[in-house]
C-alpha atoms as a PDB file:
ATOM      1  CA  ARG A   1      10.674 -10.254 -13.529  1.00  0.00           C
ATOM      2  CA  SER A   2       8.755  -8.065 -15.918  1.00  0.00           C
ATOM      3  CA  PHE A   3       6.942  -4.976 -14.725  1.00  0.00           C
ATOM      4  CA  THR A   4       3.606  -6.319 -15.941  1.00  0.00           C
ATOM      5  CA  SER A   5       3.620  -9.509 -13.893  1.00  0.00           C
ATOM      6  CA  ARG A   6       2.725  -9.244 -10.236  1.00  0.00           C
ATOM      7  CA  THR A   7       3.606 -11.500  -7.371  1.00  0.00           C
ATOM      8  CA  ASP A   8       0.846 -13.106  -5.317  1.00  0.00           C
ATOM      9  CA  GLY A   9       1.880 -10.896  -2.417  1.00  0.00           C
ATOM     10  CA  GLU A  10       1.573  -7.719  -4.489  1.00  0.00           C
ATOM     11  CA  ALA A  11      -1.886  -8.786  -5.643  1.00  0.00           C
ATOM     12  CA  ARG A  12      -2.965  -9.632  -2.069  1.00  0.00           C
ATOM     13  CA  VAL A  13      -1.723  -6.345  -0.590  1.00  0.00           C
ATOM     14  CA  THR A  14      -3.323  -4.398  -3.456  1.00  0.00           C
ATOM     15  CA  ARG A  15      -6.639  -6.187  -2.876  1.00  0.00           C
ATOM     16  CA  VAL A  16      -6.599  -5.351   0.851  1.00  0.00           C
ATOM     17  CA  LEU A  17      -5.774  -1.699   0.167  1.00  0.00           C
ATOM     18  CA  ARG A  18      -8.562  -1.436  -2.431  1.00  0.00           C
ATOM     19  CA  GLU A  19     -11.035  -2.820   0.141  1.00  0.00           C
ATOM     20  CA  LYS A  20      -9.867  -0.476   2.902  1.00  0.00           C
ATOM     21  CA  PHE A  21      -9.549   2.612   0.683  1.00  0.00           C
ATOM     22  CA  PRO A  22     -12.490   2.402  -1.744  1.00  0.00           C
ATOM     23  CA  ARG A  23     -12.086   6.079  -2.691  1.00  0.00           C
ATOM     24  CA  ALA A  24      -8.421   5.663  -3.660  1.00  0.00           C
ATOM     25  CA  SER A  25      -7.621   7.127  -7.055  1.00  0.00           C
ATOM     26  CA  ALA A  26      -4.322   5.208  -7.275  1.00  0.00           C
ATOM     27  CA  ILE A  27      -2.787   2.234  -5.479  1.00  0.00           C
ATOM     28  CA  ARG A  28       0.581   0.768  -6.397  1.00  0.00           C
ATOM     29  CA  VAL A  29       2.272  -2.101  -4.561  1.00  0.00           C
ATOM     30  CA  VAL A  30       5.799  -3.274  -5.367  1.00  0.00           C
ATOM     31  CA  ASP A  31       7.616  -6.211  -3.790  1.00  0.00           C
ATOM     32  CA  ILE A  32      11.062  -4.708  -3.170  1.00  0.00           C
ATOM     33  CA  SER A  33      12.472  -7.883  -1.624  1.00  0.00           C
ATOM     34  CA  GLY A  34      13.170  -9.518  -4.963  1.00  0.00           C
ATOM     35  CA  GLY A  35       9.896 -11.423  -5.059  1.00  0.00           C
ATOM     36  CA  CYS A  36      10.007 -13.266  -1.734  1.00  0.00           C
ATOM     37  CA  GLY A  37       7.327 -11.074  -0.140  1.00  0.00           C
ATOM     38  CA  ALA A  38       9.384  -9.842   2.806  1.00  0.00           C
ATOM     39  CA  MET A  39       9.342  -6.131   1.971  1.00  0.00           C
ATOM     40  CA  TYR A  40       6.916  -3.946   0.062  1.00  0.00           C
ATOM     41  CA  GLU A  41       6.631  -0.388  -1.106  1.00  0.00           C
ATOM     42  CA  VAL A  42       3.063   0.912  -1.269  1.00  0.00           C
ATOM     43  CA  HIS A  43       1.778   4.118  -2.825  1.00  0.00           C
ATOM     44  CA  VAL A  44      -1.792   5.114  -2.000  1.00  0.00           C
ATOM     45  CA  GLU A  45      -3.462   8.240  -3.354  1.00  0.00           C
ATOM     46  CA  SER A  46      -6.832   8.785  -1.720  1.00  0.00           C
ATOM     47  CA  GLU A  47      -9.294  11.516  -0.899  1.00  0.00           C
ATOM     48  CA  GLU A  48      -9.576   9.845   2.523  1.00  0.00           C
ATOM     49  CA  PHE A  49      -6.177  11.332   3.424  1.00  0.00           C
ATOM     50  CA  ARG A  50      -7.253  14.940   2.904  1.00  0.00           C
ATOM     51  CA  GLU A  51      -6.974  17.092   6.060  1.00  0.00           C
ATOM     52  CA  LYS A  52      -4.827  14.397   7.740  1.00  0.00           C
ATOM     53  CA  ARG A  53      -1.173  14.706   8.694  1.00  0.00           C
ATOM     54  CA  MET A  54       1.246  12.318   7.005  1.00  0.00           C
ATOM     55  CA  VAL A  55       1.708  10.301  10.197  1.00  0.00           C
ATOM     56  CA  GLN A  56      -2.074   9.818  10.375  1.00  0.00           C
ATOM     57  CA  GLN A  57      -2.170   8.753   6.720  1.00  0.00           C
ATOM     58  CA  HIS A  58       0.572   6.188   7.339  1.00  0.00           C
ATOM     59  CA  GLN A  59      -1.222   4.921  10.451  1.00  0.00           C
ATOM     60  CA  MET A  60      -4.327   4.344   8.308  1.00  0.00           C
ATOM     61  CA  VAL A  61      -2.302   2.252   5.862  1.00  0.00           C
ATOM     62  CA  ASN A  62      -0.596   0.332   8.682  1.00  0.00           C
ATOM     63  CA  GLN A  63      -3.990  -0.403  10.232  1.00  0.00           C
ATOM     64  CA  ALA A  64      -5.390  -1.567   6.884  1.00  0.00           C
ATOM     65  CA  LEU A  65      -2.430  -3.940   6.406  1.00  0.00           C
ATOM     66  CA  ARG A  66      -2.061  -5.084  10.025  1.00  0.00           C
ATOM     67  CA  GLU A  67      -2.527  -8.797   9.186  1.00  0.00           C
ATOM     68  CA  GLU A  68      -0.216  -8.710   6.141  1.00  0.00           C
ATOM     69  CA  ILE A  69       2.472  -6.788   8.059  1.00  0.00           C
ATOM     70  CA  LYS A  70       2.866  -9.721  10.456  1.00  0.00           C
ATOM     71  CA  ASN A  71       4.561 -11.645   7.636  1.00  0.00           C
ATOM     72  CA  MET A  72       6.686  -8.763   6.331  1.00  0.00           C
ATOM     73  CA  HIS A  73      10.212  -7.709   7.128  1.00  0.00           C
ATOM     74  CA  GLY A  74       9.594  -4.112   6.109  1.00  0.00           C
ATOM     75  CA  LEU A  75       7.121  -1.723   4.538  1.00  0.00           C
ATOM     76  CA  ARG A  76       7.676   1.619   2.810  1.00  0.00           C
ATOM     77  CA  ILE A  77       4.563   3.775   2.699  1.00  0.00           C
ATOM     78  CA  PHE A  78       3.931   6.730   0.425  1.00  0.00           C
ATOM     79  CA  THR A  79       0.593   8.525   0.673  1.00  0.00           C
ATOM     80  CA  SER A  80      -0.935  11.498  -1.100  1.00  0.00           C
ATOM     81  CA  THR A  81      -4.232  13.151  -1.916  1.00  0.00           C
ATOM     82  CA  PRO A  82      -5.467  13.641  -5.474  1.00  0.00           C
ATOM     83  CA  LYS A  83      -4.644  16.997  -6.999  1.00  0.00           C
ATOM     84  CA  PRO A  84      -7.757  19.193  -7.331  1.00  0.00           C
END
């Protein structure tokens, strides 16, 4: 699969994250299950994470994806704040 094409699952998860984190400066979603949609790696860079501990940031992402997670086997979350 080429890096430019996205699976339906990647597009769906990206859309949900964009809705939940409108101030995000970067969102990247990768299906790491080989395209079957069972496991994703998400990277979210957002000002909304500033002043929050990493566990709180990850809880925010988990909450945003709570419906999608029901159909996943696993989820890797990476969060950050934009550099000033």
